[in-house]
């Protein structure tokens, strides 16, 4: 047989091609699965919403209204878990120490994020580092209310009485360091008045004594007090908001009443533990926004004086920083300290 170099060359080329094809097939078989398969689905189980207050209060009402709608949107129940105590610190700490998997979230309010860091020398959480900010929930405008028999008919008459007899007017709050107390301190600082602060263990007993005439005045948030206002058991001198409230259209703002720049709200936001993924944070924010826009839910909140506070995660984080700056100064000037 004669040696044929061309045939040998074709055979070598064919062998090389088959080897290359085999390697390509093996690589294709060992290629990783698409990224969509590697990302676990969420949620695959109920989501816990920690409320740092007892059932039945404003915070609980907001959470339960929104949890129903968010559960429908997410395809899993959102279950409210009440963890009251220690000025919201117990609930806040539970959220902060939870895994960042999206299954433990909760409410953090003005006390949790803006007041406590300025009042407590030691906290079991860091408001700036231990939370992922998801979005705003709602804010409750504060109003200056008096007993119907109180002599002052407007804010200027109220201030005249306070200046004539420093410490002669009593004003209740739901407790030391509460939004109602801190609003009173801001009012005193802005108006240069001395008003006697009387702290109660909760807003309910304070409101009872105000309606009974045992206390002369109080900064109140609308949800627990609106029925008493409508019934004539309390008289509102001014609202601490930039514009008049549709729910109290005849009541002037503080600016209209002669105290410009005075605004005070109790507010609440939705947070998770630190290091929630951006994708999960965005998904939760969109679900929250959908719930806040739901006509029936929105109407129920506004009916009792709660203003829905829809915000992006970035907007809510900026809002918290501005509230911390404002109220930390008020708290330090008033020397409010909690141990």
C-alpha atoms as a PDB file:
ATOM      1  CA  UNK A   1       0.000   0.000   0.000  1.00  0.00           C
ATOM      2  CA  UNK A   2       1.349   3.407  -0.915  1.00  0.00           C
ATOM      3  CA  UNK A   3       1.700   6.073   1.790  1.00  0.00           C
ATOM      4  CA  UNK A   4      -0.926   8.796   1.206  1.00  0.00           C
ATOM      5  CA  UNK A   5      -0.124  11.960   3.221  1.00  0.00           C
ATOM      6  CA  UNK A   6      -3.372  13.694   2.137  1.00  0.00           C
ATOM      7  CA  UNK A   7      -5.511  10.877   3.562  1.00  0.00           C
ATOM      8  CA  UNK A   8      -3.586  10.980   6.807  1.00  0.00           C
ATOM      9  CA  UNK A   9      -4.092  14.730   7.030  1.00  0.00           C
ATOM     10  CA  UNK A  10      -7.890  14.364   6.530  1.00  0.00           C
ATOM     11  CA  UNK A  11      -8.038  11.663   9.226  1.00  0.00           C
ATOM     12  CA  UNK A  12      -6.124  13.850  11.690  1.00  0.00           C
ATOM     13  CA  UNK A  13      -8.406  16.824  10.984  1.00  0.00           C
ATOM     14  CA  UNK A  14     -11.532  14.687  11.489  1.00  0.00           C
ATOM     15  CA  UNK A  15     -10.240  13.327  14.814  1.00  0.00           C
ATOM     16  CA  UNK A  16      -9.431  16.841  16.038  1.00  0.00           C
ATOM     17  CA  UNK A  17     -12.873  18.123  15.040  1.00  0.00           C
ATOM     18  CA  UNK A  18     -14.640  15.255  16.846  1.00  0.00           C
ATOM     19  CA  UNK A  19     -12.559  15.855  19.974  1.00  0.00           C
ATOM     20  CA  UNK A  20     -13.407  19.579  19.924  1.00  0.00           C
ATOM     21  CA  UNK A  21     -17.107  18.830  19.468  1.00  0.00           C
ATOM     22  CA  UNK A  22     -17.040  16.402  22.380  1.00  0.00           C
ATOM     23  CA  UNK A  23     -15.399  18.968  24.639  1.00  0.00           C
ATOM     24  CA  UNK A  24     -18.025  21.576  23.697  1.00  0.00           C
ATOM     25  CA  UNK A  25     -20.834  19.143  24.472  1.00  0.00           C
ATOM     26  CA  UNK A  26     -19.335  18.311  27.869  1.00  0.00           C
ATOM     27  CA  UNK A  27     -18.929  21.999  28.694  1.00  0.00           C
ATOM     28  CA  UNK A  28     -22.553  22.669  27.720  1.00  0.00           C
ATOM     29  CA  UNK A  29     -23.700  19.807  29.955  1.00  0.00           C
ATOM     30  CA  UNK A  30     -21.680  21.145  32.925  1.00  0.00           C
ATOM     31  CA  UNK A  31     -22.717  24.818  32.452  1.00  0.00           C
ATOM     32  CA  UNK A  32     -24.440  26.380  35.505  1.00  0.00           C
ATOM     33  CA  UNK A  33     -28.217  26.658  35.577  1.00  0.00           C
ATOM     34  CA  UNK A  34     -29.723  30.014  34.639  1.00  0.00           C
ATOM     35  CA  UNK A  35     -29.536  32.627  37.426  1.00  0.00           C
ATOM     36  CA  UNK A  36     -33.319  32.739  37.661  1.00  0.00           C
ATOM     37  CA  UNK A  37     -33.217  29.168  38.991  1.00  0.00           C
ATOM     38  CA  UNK A  38     -30.500  29.922  41.562  1.00  0.00           C
ATOM     39  CA  UNK A  39     -32.453  32.770  43.226  1.00  0.00           C
ATOM     40  CA  UNK A  40     -34.909  31.357  45.794  1.00  0.00           C
ATOM     41  CA  UNK A  41     -38.524  32.416  45.564  1.00  0.00           C
ATOM     42  CA  UNK A  42     -39.833  34.880  48.165  1.00  0.00           C
ATOM     43  CA  UNK A  43     -42.054  34.679  50.071  1.00  0.00           C
ATOM     44  CA  UNK A  44     -42.663  30.964  50.510  1.00  0.00           C
ATOM     45  CA  UNK A  45     -44.086  31.296  54.044  1.00  0.00           C
ATOM     46  CA  UNK A  46     -45.985  33.856  56.136  1.00  0.00           C
ATOM     47  CA  UNK A  47     -44.263  37.175  56.836  1.00  0.00           C
ATOM     48  CA  UNK A  48     -44.155  38.480  60.413  1.00  0.00           C
ATOM     49  CA  UNK A  49     -44.951  42.157  61.071  1.00  0.00           C
ATOM     50  CA  UNK A  50     -43.674  43.138  64.519  1.00  0.00           C
ATOM     51  CA  UNK A  51     -45.703  45.901  66.200  1.00  0.00           C
ATOM     52  CA  UNK A  52     -43.890  47.321  69.257  1.00  0.00           C
ATOM     53  CA  UNK A  53     -47.136  48.272  71.006  1.00  0.00           C
ATOM     54  CA  UNK A  54     -50.177  46.502  72.440  1.00  0.00           C
ATOM     55  CA  UNK A  55     -53.176  45.481  70.296  1.00  0.00           C
ATOM     56  CA  UNK A  56     -55.877  48.069  69.687  1.00  0.00           C
ATOM     57  CA  UNK A  57     -53.755  51.221  69.533  1.00  0.00           C
ATOM     58  CA  UNK A  58     -53.045  53.404  66.520  1.00  0.00           C
ATOM     59  CA  UNK A  59     -49.854  51.544  65.593  1.00  0.00           C
ATOM     60  CA  UNK A  60     -51.674  48.228  65.684  1.00  0.00           C
ATOM     61  CA  UNK A  61     -54.575  49.576  63.609  1.00  0.00           C
ATOM     62  CA  UNK A  62     -52.261  50.834  60.857  1.00  0.00           C
ATOM     63  CA  UNK A  63     -50.309  47.580  60.712  1.00  0.00           C
ATOM     64  CA  UNK A  64     -53.377  45.360  60.543  1.00  0.00           C
ATOM     65  CA  UNK A  65     -55.036  47.451  57.841  1.00  0.00           C
ATOM     66  CA  UNK A  66     -51.945  47.360  55.634  1.00  0.00           C
ATOM     67  CA  UNK A  67     -50.971  43.762  56.422  1.00  0.00           C
ATOM     68  CA  UNK A  68     -54.193  42.459  54.875  1.00  0.00           C
ATOM     69  CA  UNK A  69     -53.549  44.219  51.571  1.00  0.00           C
ATOM     70  CA  UNK A  70     -49.844  43.360  51.500  1.00  0.00           C
ATOM     71  CA  UNK A  71     -50.645  39.707  52.124  1.00  0.00           C
ATOM     72  CA  UNK A  72     -52.881  39.669  49.060  1.00  0.00           C
ATOM     73  CA  UNK A  73     -50.168  41.310  46.967  1.00  0.00           C
ATOM     74  CA  UNK A  74     -47.349  39.044  48.176  1.00  0.00           C
ATOM     75  CA  UNK A  75     -49.308  35.804  48.033  1.00  0.00           C
ATOM     76  CA  UNK A  76     -48.537  34.914  51.657  1.00  0.00           C
ATOM     77  CA  UNK A  77     -50.190  36.047  54.909  1.00  0.00           C
ATOM     78  CA  UNK A  78     -48.607  39.005  56.690  1.00  0.00           C
ATOM     79  CA  UNK A  79     -49.145  38.258  60.381  1.00  0.00           C
ATOM     80  CA  UNK A  80     -49.042  40.987  63.042  1.00  0.00           C
ATOM     81  CA  UNK A  81     -46.970  40.107  66.124  1.00  0.00           C
ATOM     82  CA  UNK A  82     -47.459  42.548  69.031  1.00  0.00           C
ATOM     83  CA  UNK A  83     -44.334  42.997  71.165  1.00  0.00           C
ATOM     84  CA  UNK A  84     -45.086  45.959  73.462  1.00  0.00           C
ATOM     85  CA  UNK A  85     -42.879  47.452  76.125  1.00  0.00           C
ATOM     86  CA  UNK A  86     -39.965  49.735  76.968  1.00  0.00           C
ATOM     87  CA  UNK A  87     -40.889  52.630  74.657  1.00  0.00           C
ATOM     88  CA  UNK A  88     -40.859  50.357  71.572  1.00  0.00           C
ATOM     89  CA  UNK A  89     -37.350  49.064  72.382  1.00  0.00           C
ATOM     90  CA  UNK A  90     -38.435  45.420  72.797  1.00  0.00           C
ATOM     91  CA  UNK A  91     -40.050  45.241  69.380  1.00  0.00           C
ATOM     92  CA  UNK A  92     -37.314  47.256  67.688  1.00  0.00           C
ATOM     93  CA  UNK A  93     -34.613  44.964  69.071  1.00  0.00           C
ATOM     94  CA  UNK A  94     -36.477  41.898  67.822  1.00  0.00           C
ATOM     95  CA  UNK A  95     -36.550  43.340  64.304  1.00  0.00           C
ATOM     96  CA  UNK A  96     -32.907  44.420  64.422  1.00  0.00           C
ATOM     97  CA  UNK A  97     -31.699  40.947  65.450  1.00  0.00           C
ATOM     98  CA  UNK A  98     -33.807  38.977  62.963  1.00  0.00           C
ATOM     99  CA  UNK A  99     -32.282  37.323  59.877  1.00  0.00           C
ATOM    100  CA  UNK A 100     -32.264  39.583  56.840  1.00  0.00           C
ATOM    101  CA  UNK A 101     -34.432  37.187  54.833  1.00  0.00           C
ATOM    102  CA  UNK A 102     -37.598  39.279  54.590  1.00  0.00           C
ATOM    103  CA  UNK A 103     -39.669  37.167  56.973  1.00  0.00           C
ATOM    104  CA  UNK A 104     -39.389  39.436  60.041  1.00  0.00           C
ATOM    105  CA  UNK A 105     -40.228  43.097  59.482  1.00  0.00           C
ATOM    106  CA  UNK A 106     -42.058  45.690  61.518  1.00  0.00           C
ATOM    107  CA  UNK A 107     -43.085  49.153  62.582  1.00  0.00           C
ATOM    108  CA  UNK A 108     -40.570  51.716  63.782  1.00  0.00           C
ATOM    109  CA  UNK A 109     -41.974  55.075  64.824  1.00  0.00           C
ATOM    110  CA  UNK A 110     -40.744  58.524  65.769  1.00  0.00           C
ATOM    111  CA  UNK A 111     -39.927  57.250  69.248  1.00  0.00           C
ATOM    112  CA  UNK A 112     -37.966  54.263  67.958  1.00  0.00           C
ATOM    113  CA  UNK A 113     -35.870  56.125  65.414  1.00  0.00           C
ATOM    114  CA  UNK A 114     -35.796  59.817  66.397  1.00  0.00           C
ATOM    115  CA  UNK A 115     -36.425  60.130  70.151  1.00  0.00           C
ATOM    116  CA  UNK A 116     -34.896  57.081  71.824  1.00  0.00           C
ATOM    117  CA  UNK A 117     -31.374  57.596  70.423  1.00  0.00           C
ATOM    118  CA  UNK A 118     -31.317  61.081  71.967  1.00  0.00           C
ATOM    119  CA  UNK A 119     -32.897  60.101  75.310  1.00  0.00           C
ATOM    120  CA  UNK A 120     -31.223  56.812  76.190  1.00  0.00           C
ATOM    121  CA  UNK A 121     -27.550  56.590  77.061  1.00  0.00           C
ATOM    122  CA  UNK A 122     -27.638  52.913  76.025  1.00  0.00           C
ATOM    123  CA  UNK A 123     -29.923  51.222  73.525  1.00  0.00           C
ATOM    124  CA  UNK A 124     -30.081  47.577  72.460  1.00  0.00           C
ATOM    125  CA  UNK A 125     -30.216  48.708  68.834  1.00  0.00           C
ATOM    126  CA  UNK A 126     -28.545  51.349  66.668  1.00  0.00           C
ATOM    127  CA  UNK A 127     -31.163  53.386  64.807  1.00  0.00           C
ATOM    128  CA  UNK A 128     -28.688  54.287  62.071  1.00  0.00           C
ATOM    129  CA  UNK A 129     -27.117  50.874  61.458  1.00  0.00           C
ATOM    130  CA  UNK A 130     -29.436  48.071  62.525  1.00  0.00           C
ATOM    131  CA  UNK A 131     -32.386  48.632  60.171  1.00  0.00           C
ATOM    132  CA  UNK A 132     -33.218  48.570  56.489  1.00  0.00           C
ATOM    133  CA  UNK A 133     -35.613  51.427  55.744  1.00  0.00           C
ATOM    134  CA  UNK A 134     -38.458  50.176  53.536  1.00  0.00           C
ATOM    135  CA  UNK A 135     -40.947  53.064  53.483  1.00  0.00           C
ATOM    136  CA  UNK A 136     -43.311  55.318  55.394  1.00  0.00           C
ATOM    137  CA  UNK A 137     -46.585  54.115  56.881  1.00  0.00           C
ATOM    138  CA  UNK A 138     -48.516  57.068  58.245  1.00  0.00           C
ATOM    139  CA  UNK A 139     -48.340  60.193  60.313  1.00  0.00           C
ATOM    140  CA  UNK A 140     -50.741  61.423  62.946  1.00  0.00           C
ATOM    141  CA  UNK A 141     -50.961  65.220  63.172  1.00  0.00           C
ATOM    142  CA  UNK A 142     -50.844  66.625  66.687  1.00  0.00           C
ATOM    143  CA  UNK A 143     -53.308  69.251  67.850  1.00  0.00           C
ATOM    144  CA  UNK A 144     -53.349  71.470  70.932  1.00  0.00           C
ATOM    145  CA  UNK A 145     -56.540  70.582  72.814  1.00  0.00           C
ATOM    146  CA  UNK A 146     -58.037  72.005  75.997  1.00  0.00           C
ATOM    147  CA  UNK A 147     -60.988  71.231  78.213  1.00  0.00           C
ATOM    148  CA  UNK A 148     -64.138  72.965  76.908  1.00  0.00           C
ATOM    149  CA  UNK A 149     -64.281  75.153  80.031  1.00  0.00           C
ATOM    150  CA  UNK A 150     -60.725  76.445  79.615  1.00  0.00           C
ATOM    151  CA  UNK A 151     -60.794  80.275  79.478  1.00  0.00           C
ATOM    152  CA  UNK A 152     -58.503  80.711  76.469  1.00  0.00           C
ATOM    153  CA  UNK A 153     -60.406  80.577  73.186  1.00  0.00           C
ATOM    154  CA  UNK A 154     -57.373  80.668  70.903  1.00  0.00           C
ATOM    155  CA  UNK A 155     -53.600  80.167  70.955  1.00  0.00           C
ATOM    156  CA  UNK A 156     -52.775  83.814  71.628  1.00  0.00           C
ATOM    157  CA  UNK A 157     -54.998  83.853  74.705  1.00  0.00           C
ATOM    158  CA  UNK A 158     -53.416  80.551  75.769  1.00  0.00           C
ATOM    159  CA  UNK A 159     -49.930  82.081  75.466  1.00  0.00           C
ATOM    160  CA  UNK A 160     -50.985  85.211  77.340  1.00  0.00           C
ATOM    161  CA  UNK A 161     -52.160  83.072  80.251  1.00  0.00           C
ATOM    162  CA  UNK A 162     -48.962  81.009  80.198  1.00  0.00           C
ATOM    163  CA  UNK A 163     -46.759  84.114  80.256  1.00  0.00           C
ATOM    164  CA  UNK A 164     -48.784  85.817  82.956  1.00  0.00           C
ATOM    165  CA  UNK A 165     -48.399  82.841  85.289  1.00  0.00           C
ATOM    166  CA  UNK A 166     -45.372  80.669  84.340  1.00  0.00           C
ATOM    167  CA  UNK A 167     -46.117  77.043  85.158  1.00  0.00           C
ATOM    168  CA  UNK A 168     -49.750  77.849  85.876  1.00  0.00           C
ATOM    169  CA  UNK A 169     -51.111  75.892  82.902  1.00  0.00           C
ATOM    170  CA  UNK A 170     -50.906  72.100  83.088  1.00  0.00           C
ATOM    171  CA  UNK A 171     -50.406  69.968  80.001  1.00  0.00           C
ATOM    172  CA  UNK A 172     -50.619  66.177  79.919  1.00  0.00           C
ATOM    173  CA  UNK A 173     -48.729  63.645  77.835  1.00  0.00           C
ATOM    174  CA  UNK A 174     -48.788  59.895  77.331  1.00  0.00           C
ATOM    175  CA  UNK A 175     -45.456  59.603  79.138  1.00  0.00           C
ATOM    176  CA  UNK A 176     -41.955  61.053  79.390  1.00  0.00           C
ATOM    177  CA  UNK A 177     -40.262  61.143  76.001  1.00  0.00           C
ATOM    178  CA  UNK A 178     -43.453  60.346  74.080  1.00  0.00           C
ATOM    179  CA  UNK A 179     -44.328  62.275  70.900  1.00  0.00           C
ATOM    180  CA  UNK A 180     -46.911  64.224  72.906  1.00  0.00           C
ATOM    181  CA  UNK A 181     -44.335  65.223  75.519  1.00  0.00           C
ATOM    182  CA  UNK A 182     -41.654  66.146  72.982  1.00  0.00           C
ATOM    183  CA  UNK A 183     -44.183  68.244  71.017  1.00  0.00           C
ATOM    184  CA  UNK A 184     -44.996  70.149  74.218  1.00  0.00           C
ATOM    185  CA  UNK A 185     -41.298  70.827  74.797  1.00  0.00           C
ATOM    186  CA  UNK A 186     -40.899  72.116  71.234  1.00  0.00           C
ATOM    187  CA  UNK A 187     -43.915  74.394  71.747  1.00  0.00           C
ATOM    188  CA  UNK A 188     -42.437  75.742  74.985  1.00  0.00           C
ATOM    189  CA  UNK A 189     -39.086  76.385  73.314  1.00  0.00           C
ATOM    190  CA  UNK A 190     -40.615  78.096  70.281  1.00  0.00           C
ATOM    191  CA  UNK A 191     -42.930  80.307  72.359  1.00  0.00           C
ATOM    192  CA  UNK A 192     -40.673  80.959  75.360  1.00  0.00           C
ATOM    193  CA  UNK A 193     -43.298  79.761  77.833  1.00  0.00           C
ATOM    194  CA  UNK A 194     -43.260  77.632  80.978  1.00  0.00           C
ATOM    195  CA  UNK A 195     -46.038  75.043  81.019  1.00  0.00           C
ATOM    196  CA  UNK A 196     -46.353  72.317  83.648  1.00  0.00           C
ATOM    197  CA  UNK A 197     -45.846  68.880  82.101  1.00  0.00           C
ATOM    198  CA  UNK A 198     -47.880  66.080  83.682  1.00  0.00           C
ATOM    199  CA  UNK A 199     -46.833  62.627  82.441  1.00  0.00           C
ATOM    200  CA  UNK A 200     -49.280  59.733  82.365  1.00  0.00           C
ATOM    201  CA  UNK A 201     -48.815  56.055  81.620  1.00  0.00           C
ATOM    202  CA  UNK A 202     -50.437  56.161  78.215  1.00  0.00           C
ATOM    203  CA  UNK A 203     -52.652  58.539  76.292  1.00  0.00           C
ATOM    204  CA  UNK A 204     -55.964  56.985  77.415  1.00  0.00           C
ATOM    205  CA  UNK A 205     -55.747  58.028  81.098  1.00  0.00           C
ATOM    206  CA  UNK A 206     -54.376  61.419  80.093  1.00  0.00           C
ATOM    207  CA  UNK A 207     -57.320  62.017  77.758  1.00  0.00           C
ATOM    208  CA  UNK A 208     -59.742  60.914  80.452  1.00  0.00           C
ATOM    209  CA  UNK A 209     -58.360  63.473  82.893  1.00  0.00           C
ATOM    210  CA  UNK A 210     -58.363  66.179  80.218  1.00  0.00           C
ATOM    211  CA  UNK A 211     -62.018  65.515  79.427  1.00  0.00           C
ATOM    212  CA  UNK A 212     -62.781  65.503  83.159  1.00  0.00           C
ATOM    213  CA  UNK A 213     -61.103  68.875  83.618  1.00  0.00           C
ATOM    214  CA  UNK A 214     -58.342  67.526  85.883  1.00  0.00           C
ATOM    215  CA  UNK A 215     -55.775  68.686  83.302  1.00  0.00           C
ATOM    216  CA  UNK A 216     -56.091  71.905  81.311  1.00  0.00           C
ATOM    217  CA  UNK A 217     -54.391  71.117  78.017  1.00  0.00           C
ATOM    218  CA  UNK A 218     -52.654  68.458  75.983  1.00  0.00           C
ATOM    219  CA  UNK A 219     -51.045  67.887  72.613  1.00  0.00           C
ATOM    220  CA  UNK A 220     -53.006  64.928  71.269  1.00  0.00           C
ATOM    221  CA  UNK A 221     -52.818  62.873  68.112  1.00  0.00           C
ATOM    222  CA  UNK A 222     -56.089  62.555  66.283  1.00  0.00           C
ATOM    223  CA  UNK A 223     -56.846  58.812  66.086  1.00  0.00           C
ATOM    224  CA  UNK A 224     -57.574  58.297  69.809  1.00  0.00           C
ATOM    225  CA  UNK A 225     -59.087  61.761  70.325  1.00  0.00           C
ATOM    226  CA  UNK A 226     -61.161  62.541  67.231  1.00  0.00           C
ATOM    227  CA  UNK A 227     -64.373  61.064  68.653  1.00  0.00           C
ATOM    228  CA  UNK A 228     -64.044  63.179  71.823  1.00  0.00           C
ATOM    229  CA  UNK A 229     -63.383  66.284  69.703  1.00  0.00           C
ATOM    230  CA  UNK A 230     -66.441  65.630  67.549  1.00  0.00           C
ATOM    231  CA  UNK A 231     -68.534  65.071  70.676  1.00  0.00           C
ATOM    232  CA  UNK A 232     -67.481  68.446  72.109  1.00  0.00           C
ATOM    233  CA  UNK A 233     -65.594  66.897  75.035  1.00  0.00           C
ATOM    234  CA  UNK A 234     -62.372  68.567  73.867  1.00  0.00           C
ATOM    235  CA  UNK A 235     -61.783  71.901  72.179  1.00  0.00           C
ATOM    236  CA  UNK A 236     -58.905  72.247  69.693  1.00  0.00           C
ATOM    237  CA  UNK A 237     -57.049  75.558  69.579  1.00  0.00           C
ATOM    238  CA  UNK A 238     -54.755  74.790  66.632  1.00  0.00           C
ATOM    239  CA  UNK A 239     -53.335  71.987  64.508  1.00  0.00           C
ATOM    240  CA  UNK A 240     -49.572  71.506  64.269  1.00  0.00           C
ATOM    241  CA  UNK A 241     -49.584  71.064  60.479  1.00  0.00           C
ATOM    242  CA  UNK A 242     -48.647  73.315  57.541  1.00  0.00           C
ATOM    243  CA  UNK A 243     -52.230  73.324  56.217  1.00  0.00           C
ATOM    244  CA  UNK A 244     -55.613  72.973  57.857  1.00  0.00           C
ATOM    245  CA  UNK A 245     -56.864  69.427  58.203  1.00  0.00           C
ATOM    246  CA  UNK A 246     -59.893  68.297  56.184  1.00  0.00           C
ATOM    247  CA  UNK A 247     -61.063  66.443  59.269  1.00  0.00           C
ATOM    248  CA  UNK A 248     -61.010  69.749  61.272  1.00  0.00           C
ATOM    249  CA  UNK A 249     -61.543  72.401  58.594  1.00  0.00           C
ATOM    250  CA  UNK A 250     -62.470  75.220  61.000  1.00  0.00           C
ATOM    251  CA  UNK A 251     -59.391  74.867  63.222  1.00  0.00           C
ATOM    252  CA  UNK A 252     -56.447  77.147  62.353  1.00  0.00           C
ATOM    253  CA  UNK A 253     -52.887  75.983  61.905  1.00  0.00           C
ATOM    254  CA  UNK A 254     -50.244  77.035  64.429  1.00  0.00           C
ATOM    255  CA  UNK A 255     -48.862  79.460  61.849  1.00  0.00           C
ATOM    256  CA  UNK A 256     -52.289  81.048  61.407  1.00  0.00           C
ATOM    257  CA  UNK A 257     -52.595  81.201  65.192  1.00  0.00           C
ATOM    258  CA  UNK A 258     -49.341  83.137  65.527  1.00  0.00           C
ATOM    259  CA  UNK A 259     -46.740  80.384  66.065  1.00  0.00           C
ATOM    260  CA  UNK A 260     -44.961  80.058  62.705  1.00  0.00           C
ATOM    261  CA  UNK A 261     -42.792  77.062  61.899  1.00  0.00           C
ATOM    262  CA  UNK A 262     -44.321  74.795  64.519  1.00  0.00           C
ATOM    263  CA  UNK A 263     -45.100  71.355  63.120  1.00  0.00           C
ATOM    264  CA  UNK A 264     -45.426  68.133  65.059  1.00  0.00           C
ATOM    265  CA  UNK A 265     -46.550  64.656  64.091  1.00  0.00           C
ATOM    266  CA  UNK A 266     -46.419  61.193  65.497  1.00  0.00           C
ATOM    267  CA  UNK A 267     -45.239  59.078  62.563  1.00  0.00           C
ATOM    268  CA  UNK A 268     -44.518  55.472  61.704  1.00  0.00           C
ATOM    269  CA  UNK A 269     -42.424  53.671  59.142  1.00  0.00           C
ATOM    270  CA  UNK A 270     -41.798  50.139  57.910  1.00  0.00           C
ATOM    271  CA  UNK A 271     -38.366  48.592  58.522  1.00  0.00           C
ATOM    272  CA  UNK A 272     -36.508  45.322  58.415  1.00  0.00           C
ATOM    273  CA  UNK A 273     -33.190  44.185  59.832  1.00  0.00           C
ATOM    274  CA  UNK A 274     -30.035  45.633  58.317  1.00  0.00           C
ATOM    275  CA  UNK A 275     -28.728  44.209  55.037  1.00  0.00           C
ATOM    276  CA  UNK A 276     -32.008  43.339  53.351  1.00  0.00           C
ATOM    277  CA  UNK A 277     -31.148  42.914  49.686  1.00  0.00           C
ATOM    278  CA  UNK A 278     -31.983  45.884  47.429  1.00  0.00           C
ATOM    279  CA  UNK A 279     -34.309  43.667  45.364  1.00  0.00           C
ATOM    280  CA  UNK A 280     -36.220  42.530  48.449  1.00  0.00           C
ATOM    281  CA  UNK A 281     -36.419  46.069  49.831  1.00  0.00           C
ATOM    282  CA  UNK A 282     -37.797  47.331  46.531  1.00  0.00           C
ATOM    283  CA  UNK A 283     -40.359  44.501  46.354  1.00  0.00           C
ATOM    284  CA  UNK A 284     -41.570  45.269  49.870  1.00  0.00           C
ATOM    285  CA  UNK A 285     -41.755  48.997  49.141  1.00  0.00           C
ATOM    286  CA  UNK A 286     -43.896  48.398  46.059  1.00  0.00           C
ATOM    287  CA  UNK A 287     -46.223  46.113  47.994  1.00  0.00           C
ATOM    288  CA  UNK A 288     -46.496  48.690  50.777  1.00  0.00           C
ATOM    289  CA  UNK A 289     -47.256  51.462  48.278  1.00  0.00           C
ATOM    290  CA  UNK A 290     -50.001  49.329  46.730  1.00  0.00           C
ATOM    291  CA  UNK A 291     -51.542  48.829  50.174  1.00  0.00           C
ATOM    292  CA  UNK A 292     -51.351  52.528  51.032  1.00  0.00           C
ATOM    293  CA  UNK A 293     -53.103  53.415  47.768  1.00  0.00           C
ATOM    294  CA  UNK A 294     -55.935  50.920  48.252  1.00  0.00           C
ATOM    295  CA  UNK A 295     -59.070  53.107  48.332  1.00  0.00           C
ATOM    296  CA  UNK A 296     -60.833  51.301  51.177  1.00  0.00           C
ATOM    297  CA  UNK A 297     -57.736  51.091  53.370  1.00  0.00           C
ATOM    298  CA  UNK A 298     -56.810  54.705  52.708  1.00  0.00           C
ATOM    299  CA  UNK A 299     -60.335  55.866  53.563  1.00  0.00           C
ATOM    300  CA  UNK A 300     -60.316  53.939  56.858  1.00  0.00           C
ATOM    301  CA  UNK A 301     -57.009  55.518  57.885  1.00  0.00           C
ATOM    302  CA  UNK A 302     -57.970  59.058  56.910  1.00  0.00           C
ATOM    303  CA  UNK A 303     -61.327  58.754  58.662  1.00  0.00           C
ATOM    304  CA  UNK A 304     -59.565  58.584  62.044  1.00  0.00           C
ATOM    305  CA  UNK A 305     -56.955  61.237  61.260  1.00  0.00           C
ATOM    306  CA  UNK A 306     -54.073  59.124  59.919  1.00  0.00           C
ATOM    307  CA  UNK A 307     -52.322  60.568  56.880  1.00  0.00           C
ATOM    308  CA  UNK A 308     -50.805  57.828  54.663  1.00  0.00           C
ATOM    309  CA  UNK A 309     -47.077  58.483  54.283  1.00  0.00           C
ATOM    310  CA  UNK A 310     -45.955  56.800  51.083  1.00  0.00           C
ATOM    311  CA  UNK A 311     -42.193  57.102  50.536  1.00  0.00           C
ATOM    312  CA  UNK A 312     -39.436  55.302  48.678  1.00  0.00           C
ATOM    313  CA  UNK A 313     -36.736  53.668  50.828  1.00  0.00           C
ATOM    314  CA  UNK A 314     -34.410  56.578  50.037  1.00  0.00           C
ATOM    315  CA  UNK A 315     -37.029  59.192  50.911  1.00  0.00           C
ATOM    316  CA  UNK A 316     -37.856  57.473  54.183  1.00  0.00           C
ATOM    317  CA  UNK A 317     -34.178  57.260  55.152  1.00  0.00           C
ATOM    318  CA  UNK A 318     -33.767  60.992  54.473  1.00  0.00           C
ATOM    319  CA  UNK A 319     -36.928  61.774  56.426  1.00  0.00           C
ATOM    320  CA  UNK A 320     -35.635  59.826  59.443  1.00  0.00           C
ATOM    321  CA  UNK A 321     -32.337  61.713  59.377  1.00  0.00           C
ATOM    322  CA  UNK A 322     -34.114  65.073  59.322  1.00  0.00           C
ATOM    323  CA  UNK A 323     -36.401  64.041  62.206  1.00  0.00           C
ATOM    324  CA  UNK A 324     -33.415  62.852  64.228  1.00  0.00           C
ATOM    325  CA  UNK A 325     -31.691  66.200  63.745  1.00  0.00           C
ATOM    326  CA  UNK A 326     -34.778  68.196  64.779  1.00  0.00           C
ATOM    327  CA  UNK A 327     -35.880  66.214  67.798  1.00  0.00           C
ATOM    328  CA  UNK A 328     -32.462  65.449  69.225  1.00  0.00           C
ATOM    329  CA  UNK A 329     -31.960  69.199  69.627  1.00  0.00           C
ATOM    330  CA  UNK A 330     -35.356  69.613  71.304  1.00  0.00           C
ATOM    331  CA  UNK A 331     -34.707  66.674  73.650  1.00  0.00           C
ATOM    332  CA  UNK A 332     -31.273  67.911  74.667  1.00  0.00           C
ATOM    333  CA  UNK A 333     -32.539  71.447  75.276  1.00  0.00           C
ATOM    334  CA  UNK A 334     -35.345  70.043  77.447  1.00  0.00           C
ATOM    335  CA  UNK A 335     -32.879  67.712  79.214  1.00  0.00           C
ATOM    336  CA  UNK A 336     -35.108  64.653  78.693  1.00  0.00           C
ATOM    337  CA  UNK A 337     -33.166  61.578  79.773  1.00  0.00           C
ATOM    338  CA  UNK A 338     -34.332  57.997  80.105  1.00  0.00           C
ATOM    339  CA  UNK A 339     -32.444  55.135  81.748  1.00  0.00           C
END
